PDB file of N, CA and C in Angstrom:
ATOM      1  N   MET A   1     138.174 131.194 103.733  1.00  0.00           N
ATOM      2  CA  MET A   1     137.514 131.307 102.438  1.00  0.00           C
ATOM      3  C   MET A   1     136.980 129.946 101.980  1.00  0.00           C
ATOM      4  N   ALA A   2     137.822 128.911 102.096  1.00  0.00           N
ATOM      5  CA  ALA A   2     137.407 127.571 101.668  1.00  0.00           C
ATOM      6  C   ALA A   2     136.225 127.089 102.496  1.00  0.00           C
ATOM      7  N   THR A   3     136.200 127.466 103.764  1.00  0.00           N
ATOM      8  CA  THR A   3     135.102 127.052 104.636  1.00  0.00           C
ATOM      9  C   THR A   3     133.790 127.670 104.178  1.00  0.00           C
ATOM     10  N   SER A   4     133.805 128.948 103.809  1.00  0.00           N
ATOM     11  CA  SER A   4     132.564 129.594 103.377  1.00  0.00           C
ATOM     12  C   SER A   4     132.069 129.004 102.050  1.00  0.00           C
ATOM     13  N   VAL A   5     132.982 128.601 101.181  1.00  0.00           N
ATOM     14  CA  VAL A   5     132.593 127.954  99.925  1.00  0.00           C
ATOM     15  C   VAL A   5     131.940 126.605 100.218  1.00  0.00           C
ATOM     16  N   HIS A   6     132.551 125.856 101.135  1.00  0.00           N
ATOM     17  CA  HIS A   6     132.001 124.556 101.510  1.00  0.00           C
ATOM     18  C   HIS A   6     130.607 124.716 102.125  1.00  0.00           C
ATOM     19  N   VAL A   7     130.469 125.643 103.051  1.00  0.00           N
ATOM     20  CA  VAL A   7     129.170 125.880 103.696  1.00  0.00           C
ATOM     21  C   VAL A   7     128.129 126.248 102.643  1.00  0.00           C
ATOM     22  N   SER A   8     128.512 127.054 101.685  1.00  0.00           N
ATOM     23  CA  SER A   8     127.601 127.450 100.614  1.00  0.00           C
ATOM     24  C   SER A   8     127.165 126.238  99.784  1.00  0.00           C
ATOM     25  N   LYS A   9     128.110 125.348  99.477  1.00  0.00           N
ATOM     26  CA  LYS A   9     127.785 124.138  98.710  1.00  0.00           C
ATOM     27  C   LYS A   9     126.836 123.233  99.484  1.00  0.00           C
ATOM     28  N   VAL A  10     127.105 123.066 100.776  1.00  0.00           N
ATOM     29  CA  VAL A  10     126.255 122.218 101.612  1.00  0.00           C
ATOM     30  C   VAL A  10     124.849 122.799 101.684  1.00  0.00           C
ATOM     31  N   ARG A  11     124.754 124.102 101.926  1.00  0.00           N
ATOM     32  CA  ARG A  11     123.449 124.760 102.012  1.00  0.00           C
ATOM     33  C   ARG A  11     122.675 124.653 100.699  1.00  0.00           C
ATOM     34  N   SER A  12     123.374 124.848  99.600  1.00  0.00           N
ATOM     35  CA  SER A  12     122.748 124.773  98.282  1.00  0.00           C
ATOM     36  C   SER A  12     122.196 123.362  98.021  1.00  0.00           C
ATOM     37  N   LEU A  13     122.982 122.349  98.347  1.00  0.00           N
ATOM     38  CA  LEU A  13     122.547 120.958  98.166  1.00  0.00           C
ATOM     39  C   LEU A  13     121.340 120.668  99.043  1.00  0.00           C
ATOM     40  N   TYR A  14     121.405 121.070 100.284  1.00  0.00           N
ATOM     41  CA  TYR A  14     120.315 120.864 101.253  1.00  0.00           C
ATOM     42  C   TYR A  14     119.022 121.506 100.740  1.00  0.00           C
ATOM     43  N   LYS A  15     119.107 122.748 100.308  1.00  0.00           N
ATOM     44  CA  LYS A  15     117.916 123.455  99.813  1.00  0.00           C
ATOM     45  C   LYS A  15     117.370 122.808  98.542  1.00  0.00           C
ATOM     46  N   ARG A  16     118.264 122.370  97.664  1.00  0.00           N
ATOM     47  CA  ARG A  16     117.827 121.734  96.406  1.00  0.00           C
ATOM     48  C   ARG A  16     117.076 120.431  96.688  1.00  0.00           C
ATOM     49  N   ILE A  17     117.582 119.655  97.633  1.00  0.00           N
ATOM     50  CA  ILE A  17     116.919 118.398  97.977  1.00  0.00           C
ATOM     51  C   ILE A  17     115.531 118.676  98.547  1.00  0.00           C
ATOM     52  N   LEU A  18     115.426 119.630  99.468  1.00  0.00           N
ATOM     53  CA  LEU A  18     114.110 119.952 100.043  1.00  0.00           C
ATOM     54  C   LEU A  18     113.157 120.488  98.977  1.00  0.00           C
ATOM     55  N   LEU A  19     113.688 121.228  98.013  1.00  0.00           N
ATOM     56  CA  LEU A  19     112.868 121.704  96.905  1.00  0.00           C
ATOM     57  C   LEU A  19     112.350 120.533  96.068  1.00  0.00           C
ATOM     58  N   LEU A  20     113.218 119.585  95.769  1.00  0.00           N
ATOM     59  CA  LEU A  20     112.806 118.411  94.999  1.00  0.00           C
ATOM     60  C   LEU A  20     111.784 117.569  95.761  1.00  0.00           C
ATOM     61  N   HIS A  21     111.878 117.547  97.074  1.00  0.00           N
ATOM     62  CA  HIS A  21     110.913 116.793  97.881  1.00  0.00           C
ATOM     63  C   HIS A  21     109.496 117.332  97.727  1.00  0.00           C
ATOM     64  N   ARG A  22     109.358 118.569  97.319  1.00  0.00           N
ATOM     65  CA  ARG A  22     108.012 119.145  97.119  1.00  0.00           C
ATOM     66  C   ARG A  22     107.237 118.413  96.038  1.00  0.00           C
ATOM     67  N   PHE A  23     107.934 117.692  95.184  1.00  0.00           N
ATOM     68  CA  PHE A  23     107.293 116.972  94.085  1.00  0.00           C
ATOM     69  C   PHE A  23     106.942 115.534  94.448  1.00  0.00           C
ATOM     70  N   LEU A  24     107.334 115.102  95.639  1.00  0.00           N
ATOM     71  CA  LEU A  24     107.028 113.742  96.097  1.00  0.00           C
ATOM     72  C   LEU A  24     105.600 113.677  96.615  1.00  0.00           C
ATOM     73  N   PRO A  25     105.024 112.479  96.658  1.00  0.00           N
ATOM     74  CA  PRO A  25     103.743 112.338  97.353  1.00  0.00           C
ATOM     75  C   PRO A  25     103.906 112.859  98.789  1.00  0.00           C
ATOM     76  N   ILE A  26     102.870 113.449  99.330  1.00  0.00           N
ATOM     77  CA  ILE A  26     102.955 114.191 100.590  1.00  0.00           C
ATOM     78  C   ILE A  26     103.526 113.370 101.747  1.00  0.00           C
ATOM     79  N   ASP A  27     103.169 112.091 101.837  1.00  0.00           N
ATOM     80  CA  ASP A  27     103.680 111.288 102.950  1.00  0.00           C
ATOM     81  C   ASP A  27     105.171 110.984 102.774  1.00  0.00           C
ATOM     82  N   LEU A  28     105.609 110.740 101.543  1.00  0.00           N
ATOM     83  CA  LEU A  28     107.034 110.512 101.300  1.00  0.00           C
ATOM     84  C   LEU A  28     107.833 111.805 101.510  1.00  0.00           C
ATOM     85  N   ARG A  29     107.210 112.918 101.184  1.00  0.00           N
ATOM     86  CA  ARG A  29     107.868 114.203 101.422  1.00  0.00           C
ATOM     87  C   ARG A  29     108.116 114.413 102.911  1.00  0.00           C
ATOM     88  N   ALA A  30     107.135 114.118 103.727  1.00  0.00           N
ATOM     89  CA  ALA A  30     107.290 114.302 105.175  1.00  0.00           C
ATOM     90  C   ALA A  30     108.413 113.434 105.720  1.00  0.00           C
ATOM     91  N   ILE A  31     108.449 112.184 105.307  1.00  0.00           N
ATOM     92  CA  ILE A  31     109.511 111.273 105.748  1.00  0.00           C
ATOM     93  C   ILE A  31     110.863 111.765 105.245  1.00  0.00           C
ATOM     94  N   GLY A  32     110.923 112.109 103.955  1.00  0.00           N
ATOM     95  CA  GLY A  32     112.178 112.542 103.342  1.00  0.00           C
ATOM     96  C   GLY A  32     112.714 113.829 103.932  1.00  0.00           C
ATOM     97  N   ASP A  33     111.836 114.811 104.138  1.00  0.00           N
ATOM     98  CA  ASP A  33     112.276 116.080 104.711  1.00  0.00           C
ATOM     99  C   ASP A  33     112.885 115.877 106.091  1.00  0.00           C
ATOM    100  N   GLN A  34     112.227 115.097 106.914  1.00  0.00           N
ATOM    101  CA  GLN A  34     112.733 114.869 108.270  1.00  0.00           C
ATOM    102  C   GLN A  34     114.068 114.133 108.235  1.00  0.00           C
ATOM    103  N   TYR A  35     114.176 113.149 107.359  1.00  0.00           N
ATOM    104  CA  TYR A  35     115.413 112.375 107.245  1.00  0.00           C
ATOM    105  C   TYR A  35     116.574 113.266 106.791  1.00  0.00           C
ATOM    106  N   VAL A  36     116.340 114.096 105.783  1.00  0.00           N
ATOM    107  CA  VAL A  36     117.385 114.988 105.279  1.00  0.00           C
ATOM    108  C   VAL A  36     117.812 115.964 106.372  1.00  0.00           C
ATOM    109  N   LYS A  37     116.854 116.556 107.046  1.00  0.00           N
ATOM    110  CA  LYS A  37     117.181 117.513 108.108  1.00  0.00           C
ATOM    111  C   LYS A  37     118.011 116.845 109.205  1.00  0.00           C
ATOM    112  N   ASP A  38     117.616 115.660 109.606  1.00  0.00           N
ATOM    113  CA  ASP A  38     118.357 114.933 110.648  1.00  0.00           C
ATOM    114  C   ASP A  38     119.770 114.592 110.201  1.00  0.00           C
ATOM    115  N   GLU A  39     119.917 114.097 108.977  1.00  0.00           N
ATOM    116  CA  GLU A  39     121.233 113.690 108.481  1.00  0.00           C
ATOM    117  C   GLU A  39     122.182 114.883 108.329  1.00  0.00           C
ATOM    118  N   PHE A  40     121.693 115.974 107.782  1.00  0.00           N
ATOM    119  CA  PHE A  40     122.556 117.148 107.619  1.00  0.00           C
ATOM    120  C   PHE A  40     122.937 117.715 108.987  1.00  0.00           C
ATOM    121  N   ARG A  41     122.003 117.707 109.920  1.00  0.00           N
ATOM    122  CA  ARG A  41     122.297 118.182 111.271  1.00  0.00           C
ATOM    123  C   ARG A  41     123.330 117.278 111.947  1.00  0.00           C
ATOM    124  N   ARG A  42     123.161 115.961 111.790  1.00  0.00           N
ATOM    125  CA  ARG A  42     124.072 114.992 112.402  1.00  0.00           C
ATOM    126  C   ARG A  42     125.502 115.122 111.884  1.00  0.00           C
ATOM    127  N   HIS A  43     125.651 115.515 110.649  1.00  0.00           N
ATOM    128  CA  HIS A  43     126.975 115.582 110.031  1.00  0.00           C
ATOM    129  C   HIS A  43     127.566 116.993 110.021  1.00  0.00           C
ATOM    130  N   LYS A  44     126.969 117.888 110.760  1.00  0.00           N
ATOM    131  CA  LYS A  44     127.427 119.277 110.782  1.00  0.00           C
ATOM    132  C   LYS A  44     128.888 119.395 111.218  1.00  0.00           C
ATOM    133  N   GLY A  45     129.310 118.590 112.172  1.00  0.00           N
ATOM    134  CA  GLY A  45     130.683 118.659 112.662  1.00  0.00           C
ATOM    135  C   GLY A  45     131.506 117.448 112.268  1.00  0.00           C
ATOM    136  N   ALA A  46     131.180 116.817 111.155  1.00  0.00           N
ATOM    137  CA  ALA A  46     131.869 115.593 110.728  1.00  0.00           C
ATOM    138  C   ALA A  46     133.296 115.889 110.270  1.00  0.00           C
ATOM    139  N   ALA A  47     134.126 114.861 110.341  1.00  0.00           N
ATOM    140  CA  ALA A  47     135.518 114.971 109.885  1.00  0.00           C
ATOM    141  C   ALA A  47     135.551 115.138 108.364  1.00  0.00           C
ATOM    142  N   ALA A  48     136.621 115.743 107.875  1.00  0.00           N
ATOM    143  CA  ALA A  48     136.757 116.053 106.443  1.00  0.00           C
ATOM    144  C   ALA A  48     136.589 114.822 105.559  1.00  0.00           C
ATOM    145  N   GLY A  49     137.173 113.693 105.957  1.00  0.00           N
ATOM    146  CA  GLY A  49     137.064 112.468 105.163  1.00  0.00           C
ATOM    147  C   GLY A  49     135.635 111.973 105.061  1.00  0.00           C
ATOM    148  N   GLU A  50     134.895 112.108 106.132  1.00  0.00           N
ATOM    149  CA  GLU A  50     133.497 111.677 106.148  1.00  0.00           C
ATOM    150  C   GLU A  50     132.619 112.637 105.342  1.00  0.00           C
ATOM    151  N   VAL A  51     132.962 113.913 105.380  1.00  0.00           N
ATOM    152  CA  VAL A  51     132.184 114.930 104.667  1.00  0.00           C
ATOM    153  C   VAL A  51     132.217 114.693 103.165  1.00  0.00           C
ATOM    154  N   LYS A  52     133.368 114.308 102.644  1.00  0.00           N
ATOM    155  CA  LYS A  52     133.497 114.079 101.203  1.00  0.00           C
ATOM    156  C   LYS A  52     132.520 112.986 100.745  1.00  0.00           C
ATOM    157  N   GLY A  53     132.507 111.855 101.431  1.00  0.00           N
ATOM    158  CA  GLY A  53     131.579 110.780 101.092  1.00  0.00           C
ATOM    159  C   GLY A  53     130.131 111.192 101.275  1.00  0.00           C
ATOM    160  N   PHE A  54     129.867 111.930 102.342  1.00  0.00           N
ATOM    161  CA  PHE A  54     128.524 112.434 102.628  1.00  0.00           C
ATOM    162  C   PHE A  54     128.018 113.281 101.461  1.00  0.00           C
ATOM    163  N   MET A  55     128.846 114.207 101.012  1.00  0.00           N
ATOM    164  CA  MET A  55     128.441 115.100  99.924  1.00  0.00           C
ATOM    165  C   MET A  55     128.253 114.342  98.612  1.00  0.00           C
ATOM    166  N   ILE A  56     129.124 113.393  98.332  1.00  0.00           N
ATOM    167  CA  ILE A  56     128.996 112.606  97.104  1.00  0.00           C
ATOM    168  C   ILE A  56     127.681 111.844  97.098  1.00  0.00           C
ATOM    169  N   GLU A  57     127.361 111.187  98.204  1.00  0.00           N
ATOM    170  CA  GLU A  57     126.130 110.391  98.270  1.00  0.00           C
ATOM    171  C   GLU A  57     124.880 111.260  98.176  1.00  0.00           C
ATOM    172  N   TRP A  58     124.888 112.424  98.842  1.00  0.00           N
ATOM    173  CA  TRP A  58     123.723 113.298  98.764  1.00  0.00           C
ATOM    174  C   TRP A  58     123.599 113.961  97.395  1.00  0.00           C
ATOM    175  N   GLU A  59     124.716 114.219  96.729  1.00  0.00           N
ATOM    176  CA  GLU A  59     124.662 114.721  95.344  1.00  0.00           C
ATOM    177  C   GLU A  59     124.044 113.656  94.439  1.00  0.00           C
ATOM    178  N   ASN A  60     124.441 112.397  94.629  1.00  0.00           N
ATOM    179  CA  ASN A  60     123.865 111.293  93.847  1.00  0.00           C
ATOM    180  C   ASN A  60     122.362 111.183  94.100  1.00  0.00           C
ATOM    181  N   TYR A  61     121.964 111.317  95.358  1.00  0.00           N
ATOM    182  CA  TYR A  61     120.536 111.271  95.705  1.00  0.00           C
ATOM    183  C   TYR A  61     119.788 112.398  94.988  1.00  0.00           C
ATOM    184  N   LYS A  62     120.359 113.600  95.054  1.00  0.00           N
ATOM    185  CA  LYS A  62     119.728 114.758  94.408  1.00  0.00           C
ATOM    186  C   LYS A  62     119.573 114.519  92.915  1.00  0.00           C
ATOM    187  N   ASP A  63     120.620 114.009  92.272  1.00  0.00           N
ATOM    188  CA  ASP A  63     120.571 113.755  90.831  1.00  0.00           C
ATOM    189  C   ASP A  63     119.518 112.709  90.484  1.00  0.00           C
ATOM    190  N   THR A  64     119.470 111.633  91.265  1.00  0.00           N
ATOM    191  CA  THR A  64     118.475 110.579  91.037  1.00  0.00           C
ATOM    192  C   THR A  64     117.068 111.117  91.219  1.00  0.00           C
ATOM    193  N   LEU A  65     116.851 111.836  92.297  1.00  0.00           N
ATOM    194  CA  LEU A  65     115.526 112.385  92.570  1.00  0.00           C
ATOM    195  C   LEU A  65     115.119 113.392  91.498  1.00  0.00           C
ATOM    196  N   GLN A  66     116.058 114.210  91.066  1.00  0.00           N
ATOM    197  CA  GLN A  66     115.761 115.193  90.028  1.00  0.00           C
ATOM    198  C   GLN A  66     115.323 114.503  88.734  1.00  0.00           C
ATOM    199  N   THR A  67     116.005 113.435  88.371  1.00  0.00           N
ATOM    200  CA  THR A  67     115.638 112.660  87.187  1.00  0.00           C
ATOM    201  C   THR A  67     114.237 112.075  87.352  1.00  0.00           C
ATOM    202  N   GLN A  68     113.947 111.521  88.522  1.00  0.00           N
ATOM    203  CA  GLN A  68     112.640 110.906  88.763  1.00  0.00           C
ATOM    204  C   GLN A  68     111.528 111.952  88.777  1.00  0.00           C
ATOM    205  N   VAL A  69     111.809 113.113  89.326  1.00  0.00           N
ATOM    206  CA  VAL A  69     110.813 114.191  89.325  1.00  0.00           C
ATOM    207  C   VAL A  69     110.512 114.632  87.898  1.00  0.00           C
ATOM    208  N   LEU A  70     111.550 114.783  87.090  1.00  0.00           N
ATOM    209  CA  LEU A  70     111.338 115.176  85.692  1.00  0.00           C
ATOM    210  C   LEU A  70     110.554 114.108  84.934  1.00  0.00           C
ATOM    211  N   GLU A  71     110.842 112.829  85.207  1.00  0.00           N
ATOM    212  CA  GLU A  71     110.084 111.743  84.573  1.00  0.00           C
ATOM    213  C   GLU A  71     108.626 111.784  85.008  1.00  0.00           C
ATOM    214  N   SER A  72     108.379 112.088  86.264  1.00  0.00           N
ATOM    215  CA  SER A  72     107.001 112.109  86.759  1.00  0.00           C
ATOM    216  C   SER A  72     106.206 113.259  86.163  1.00  0.00           C
ATOM    217  N   ALA A  73     106.894 114.310  85.724  1.00  0.00           N
ATOM    218  CA  ALA A  73     106.218 115.459  85.128  1.00  0.00           C
ATOM    219  C   ALA A  73     105.831 115.198  83.672  1.00  0.00           C
ATOM    220  N   GLY A  74     106.493 114.222  83.053  1.00  0.00           N
ATOM    221  CA  GLY A  74     106.215 113.918  81.651  1.00  0.00           C
ATOM    222  C   GLY A  74     104.955 113.095  81.491  1.00  0.00           C
ATOM    223  N   GLU A  75     104.573 112.893  80.260  1.00  0.00           N
ATOM    224  CA  GLU A  75     103.411 112.069  79.941  1.00  0.00           C
ATOM    225  C   GLU A  75     103.819 110.605  80.001  1.00  0.00           C
ATOM    226  N   ARG A  76     103.492 109.948  81.084  1.00  0.00           N
ATOM    227  CA  ARG A  76     103.857 108.543  81.267  1.00  0.00           C
ATOM    228  C   ARG A  76     102.605 107.730  81.555  1.00  0.00           C
ATOM    229  N   LEU A  77     102.582 106.522  81.035  1.00  0.00           N
ATOM    230  CA  LEU A  77     101.453 105.639  81.318  1.00  0.00           C
ATOM    231  C   LEU A  77     101.637 104.933  82.655  1.00  0.00           C
ATOM    232  N   ASP A  78     102.873 104.582  82.987  1.00  0.00           N
ATOM    233  CA  ASP A  78     103.156 103.911  84.243  1.00  0.00           C
ATOM    234  C   ASP A  78     103.496 104.952  85.306  1.00  0.00           C
ATOM    235  N   PRO A  79     103.044 104.718  86.548  1.00  0.00           N
ATOM    236  CA  PRO A  79     103.406 105.665  87.605  1.00  0.00           C
ATOM    237  C   PRO A  79     104.908 105.598  87.884  1.00  0.00           C
ATOM    238  N   VAL A  80     105.480 106.723  88.230  1.00  0.00           N
ATOM    239  CA  VAL A  80     106.907 106.785  88.540  1.00  0.00           C
ATOM    240  C   VAL A  80     107.124 106.276  89.946  1.00  0.00           C
ATOM    241  N   LYS A  81     108.129 105.452  90.106  1.00  0.00           N
ATOM    242  CA  LYS A  81     108.504 104.971  91.437  1.00  0.00           C
ATOM    243  C   LYS A  81     109.714 105.769  91.877  1.00  0.00           C
ATOM    244  N   PHE A  82     109.579 106.407  93.010  1.00  0.00           N
ATOM    245  CA  PHE A  82     110.686 107.186  93.539  1.00  0.00           C
ATOM    246  C   PHE A  82     111.590 106.279  94.357  1.00  0.00           C
ATOM    247  N   GLY A  83     112.885 106.589  94.336  1.00  0.00           N
ATOM    248  CA  GLY A  83     113.860 105.805  95.087  1.00  0.00           C
ATOM    249  C   GLY A  83     114.702 104.966  94.150  1.00  0.00           C
ATOM    250  N   ALA A  84     115.566 104.162  94.753  1.00  0.00           N
ATOM    251  CA  ALA A  84     116.460 103.303  93.974  1.00  0.00           C
ATOM    252  C   ALA A  84     116.806 102.070  94.793  1.00  0.00           C
ATOM    253  N   ASN A  85     117.009 100.975  94.097  1.00  0.00           N
ATOM    254  CA  ASN A  85     117.453  99.759  94.768  1.00  0.00           C
ATOM    255  C   ASN A  85     118.952  99.843  95.020  1.00  0.00           C
ATOM    256  N   LEU A  86     119.387  99.302  96.129  1.00  0.00           N
ATOM    257  CA  LEU A  86     120.811  99.265  96.452  1.00  0.00           C
ATOM    258  C   LEU A  86     121.351  97.872  96.180  1.00  0.00           C
ATOM    259  N   SER A  87     122.514  97.818  95.588  1.00  0.00           N
ATOM    260  CA  SER A  87     123.138  96.520  95.320  1.00  0.00           C
ATOM    261  C   SER A  87     123.722  95.954  96.621  1.00  0.00           C
ATOM    262  N   GLU A  88     124.005  94.678  96.598  1.00  0.00           N
ATOM    263  CA  GLU A  88     124.622  94.035  97.760  1.00  0.00           C
ATOM    264  C   GLU A  88     125.973  94.676  98.069  1.00  0.00           C
ATOM    265  N   ARG A  89     126.698  95.018  97.025  1.00  0.00           N
ATOM    266  CA  ARG A  89     128.010  95.670  97.198  1.00  0.00           C
ATOM    267  C   ARG A  89     127.852  97.023  97.904  1.00  0.00           C
ATOM    268  N   GLU A  90     126.848  97.782  97.507  1.00  0.00           N
ATOM    269  CA  GLU A  90     126.600  99.077  98.148  1.00  0.00           C
ATOM    270  C   GLU A  90     126.207  98.894  99.606  1.00  0.00           C
ATOM    271  N   LEU A  91     125.366  97.906  99.875  1.00  0.00           N
ATOM    272  CA  LEU A  91     124.920  97.667 101.248  1.00  0.00           C
ATOM    273  C   LEU A  91     126.074  97.262 102.172  1.00  0.00           C
ATOM    274  N   LYS A  92     127.068  96.595 101.624  1.00  0.00           N
ATOM    275  CA  LYS A  92     128.213  96.177 102.440  1.00  0.00           C
ATOM    276  C   LYS A  92     129.030  97.371 102.926  1.00  0.00           C
ATOM    277  N   ASN A  93     128.898  98.517 102.267  1.00  0.00           N
ATOM    278  CA  ASN A  93     129.623  99.717 102.681  1.00  0.00           C
ATOM    279  C   ASN A  93     128.948 100.453 103.837  1.00  0.00           C
ATOM    280  N   PHE A  94     127.737 100.045 104.180  1.00  0.00           N
ATOM    281  CA  PHE A  94     127.005 100.709 105.246  1.00  0.00           C
ATOM    282  C   PHE A  94     127.409 100.157 106.614  1.00  0.00           C
ATOM    283  N   GLN A  95     127.341 101.019 107.615  1.00  0.00           N
ATOM    284  CA  GLN A  95     127.559 100.599 108.991  1.00  0.00           C
ATOM    285  C   GLN A  95     126.254 100.006 109.506  1.00  0.00           C
ATOM    286  N   ASP A  96     126.335  99.258 110.613  1.00  0.00           N
ATOM    287  CA  ASP A  96     125.148  98.592 111.156  1.00  0.00           C
ATOM    288  C   ASP A  96     124.013  99.578 111.461  1.00  0.00           C
ATOM    289  N   ASP A  97     124.338 100.721 112.039  1.00  0.00           N
ATOM    290  CA  ASP A  97     123.283 101.676 112.366  1.00  0.00           C
ATOM    291  C   ASP A  97     122.645 102.258 111.102  1.00  0.00           C
ATOM    292  N   GLN A  98     123.421 102.367 110.032  1.00  0.00           N
ATOM    293  CA  GLN A  98     122.876 102.859 108.768  1.00  0.00           C
ATOM    294  C   GLN A  98     121.936 101.822 108.151  1.00  0.00           C
ATOM    295  N   ILE A  99     122.288 100.554 108.265  1.00  0.00           N
ATOM    296  CA  ILE A  99     121.403  99.486 107.783  1.00  0.00           C
ATOM    297  C   ILE A  99     120.090  99.528 108.559  1.00  0.00           C
ATOM    298  N   GLY A 100     120.188  99.747 109.852  1.00  0.00           N
ATOM    299  CA  GLY A 100     118.984  99.867 110.680  1.00  0.00           C
ATOM    300  C   GLY A 100     118.112 101.037 110.243  1.00  0.00           C
ATOM    301  N   GLN A 101     118.735 102.169 109.950  1.00  0.00           N
ATOM    302  CA  GLN A 101     117.994 103.339 109.481  1.00  0.00           C
ATOM    303  C   GLN A 101     117.300 103.054 108.154  1.00  0.00           C
ATOM    304  N   LEU A 102     118.026 102.426 107.245  1.00  0.00           N
ATOM    305  CA  LEU A 102     117.435 102.090 105.948  1.00  0.00           C
ATOM    306  C   LEU A 102     116.254 101.149 106.099  1.00  0.00           C
ATOM    307  N   TYR A 103     116.401 100.173 106.986  1.00  0.00           N
ATOM    308  CA  TYR A 103     115.333  99.207 107.205  1.00  0.00           C
ATOM    309  C   TYR A 103     114.091  99.913 107.763  1.00  0.00           C
ATOM    310  N   GLU A 104     114.287 100.788 108.751  1.00  0.00           N
ATOM    311  CA  GLU A 104     113.152 101.525 109.326  1.00  0.00           C
ATOM    312  C   GLU A 104     112.499 102.427 108.279  1.00  0.00           C
ATOM    313  N   LEU A 105     113.314 103.062 107.463  1.00  0.00           N
ATOM    314  CA  LEU A 105     112.798 103.920 106.395  1.00  0.00           C
ATOM    315  C   LEU A 105     112.001 103.100 105.386  1.00  0.00           C
ATOM    316  N   MET A 106     112.521 101.936 105.031  1.00  0.00           N
ATOM    317  CA  MET A 106     111.812 101.058 104.095  1.00  0.00           C
ATOM    318  C   MET A 106     110.472 100.616 104.688  1.00  0.00           C
ATOM    319  N   LEU A 107     110.462 100.237 105.967  1.00  0.00           N
ATOM    320  CA  LEU A 107     109.216  99.815 106.604  1.00  0.00           C
ATOM    321  C   LEU A 107     108.191 100.946 106.607  1.00  0.00           C
ATOM    322  N   GLU A 108     108.643 102.135 106.960  1.00  0.00           N
ATOM    323  CA  GLU A 108     107.729 103.273 107.034  1.00  0.00           C
ATOM    324  C   GLU A 108     107.187 103.661 105.664  1.00  0.00           C
ATOM    325  N   SER A 109     108.045 103.627 104.662  1.00  0.00           N
ATOM    326  CA  SER A 109     107.621 104.082 103.331  1.00  0.00           C
ATOM    327  C   SER A 109     106.787 103.051 102.581  1.00  0.00           C
ATOM    328  N   THR A 110     106.776 101.812 103.051  1.00  0.00           N
ATOM    329  CA  THR A 110     105.982 100.785 102.365  1.00  0.00           C
ATOM    330  C   THR A 110     104.743 100.368 103.155  1.00  0.00           C
ATOM    331  N   LYS A 111     104.474 101.023 104.269  1.00  0.00           N
ATOM    332  CA  LYS A 111     103.268 100.713 105.042  1.00  0.00           C
ATOM    333  C   LYS A 111     102.027 101.052 104.220  1.00  0.00           C
ATOM    334  N   PRO A 112     101.003 100.176 104.276  1.00  0.00           N
ATOM    335  CA  PRO A 112      99.772 100.521 103.561  1.00  0.00           C
ATOM    336  C   PRO A 112      99.080 101.724 104.203  1.00  0.00           C
ATOM    337  N   ASN A 113      99.158 101.840 105.520  1.00  0.00           N
ATOM    338  CA  ASN A 113      98.588 102.977 106.241  1.00  0.00           C
ATOM    339  C   ASN A 113      99.725 103.678 106.969  1.00  0.00           C
ATOM    340  N   ARG A 114     100.328 104.621 106.300  1.00  0.00           N
ATOM    341  CA  ARG A 114     101.485 105.305 106.872  1.00  0.00           C
ATOM    342  C   ARG A 114     101.067 106.143 108.067  1.00  0.00           C
ATOM    343  N   GLN A 115     102.018 106.390 108.977  1.00  0.00           N
ATOM    344  CA  GLN A 115     101.705 107.116 110.193  1.00  0.00           C
ATOM    345  C   GLN A 115     101.389 108.583 109.930  1.00  0.00           C
ATOM    346  N   PHE A 116     101.804 109.099 108.796  1.00  0.00           N
ATOM    347  CA  PHE A 116     101.563 110.505 108.505  1.00  0.00           C
ATOM    348  C   PHE A 116     100.156 110.681 107.931  1.00  0.00           C
ATOM    349  N   ASP A 117      99.375 111.501 108.553  1.00  0.00           N
ATOM    350  CA  ASP A 117      98.050 111.840 108.046  1.00  0.00           C
ATOM    351  C   ASP A 117      98.090 113.327 107.697  1.00  0.00           C
ATOM    352  N   ILE A 118      98.636 113.615 106.554  1.00  0.00           N
ATOM    353  CA  ILE A 118      98.885 114.990 106.149  1.00  0.00           C
ATOM    354  C   ILE A 118      97.888 115.361 105.058  1.00  0.00           C
ATOM    355  N   GLN A 119      97.298 116.487 105.225  1.00  0.00           N
ATOM    356  CA  GLN A 119      96.344 116.979 104.240  1.00  0.00           C
ATOM    357  C   GLN A 119      97.022 118.040 103.390  1.00  0.00           C
ATOM    358  N   GLU A 120      96.956 117.884 102.073  1.00  0.00           N
ATOM    359  CA  GLU A 120      97.516 118.902 101.187  1.00  0.00           C
ATOM    360  C   GLU A 120      96.574 120.092 101.166  1.00  0.00           C
ATOM    361  N   LYS A 121      97.162 121.284 101.079  1.00  0.00           N
ATOM    362  CA  LYS A 121      96.347 122.508 101.055  1.00  0.00           C
ATOM    363  C   LYS A 121      96.190 123.008  99.666  1.00  0.00           C
TER     364      LYS A 121
END
C-alpha cells in the first residue's frame, strides 16, 4: 500500500513539473523536459534515503517554477528570469558528477544560439 502511495506521489510530481515546463520558453522547455525525464528515470530504483532527498529537491523545484510561472503571467515590466542561483553551501552538497551536470546545463541554457531549433505550433 505504501509503495502505491509513493509511486502516485512521484508520478504526480513528475507530471506537474512537465506541465509547468509548458510555460517556459520553448528551448528551455526542451532542455528541462529531457533533464527531468532522465533524472526521474535514473532514480527509479534509488535507495529509500536517496529518494527522500530527491523528492524534497524536486518539490522545491516545482514550487519555485510554479511561482515564476505565475509571476510571468502577471503584468510585469521586467521579463521574468526562470531558475534560481545556488549558494556556495548548496553547491558543496553536490557530488562531482552533479556539478558537471549543472555546469553543462548552465552552458546549454546560456548559449546565444542554443542547439535546439524548435518551432512552436
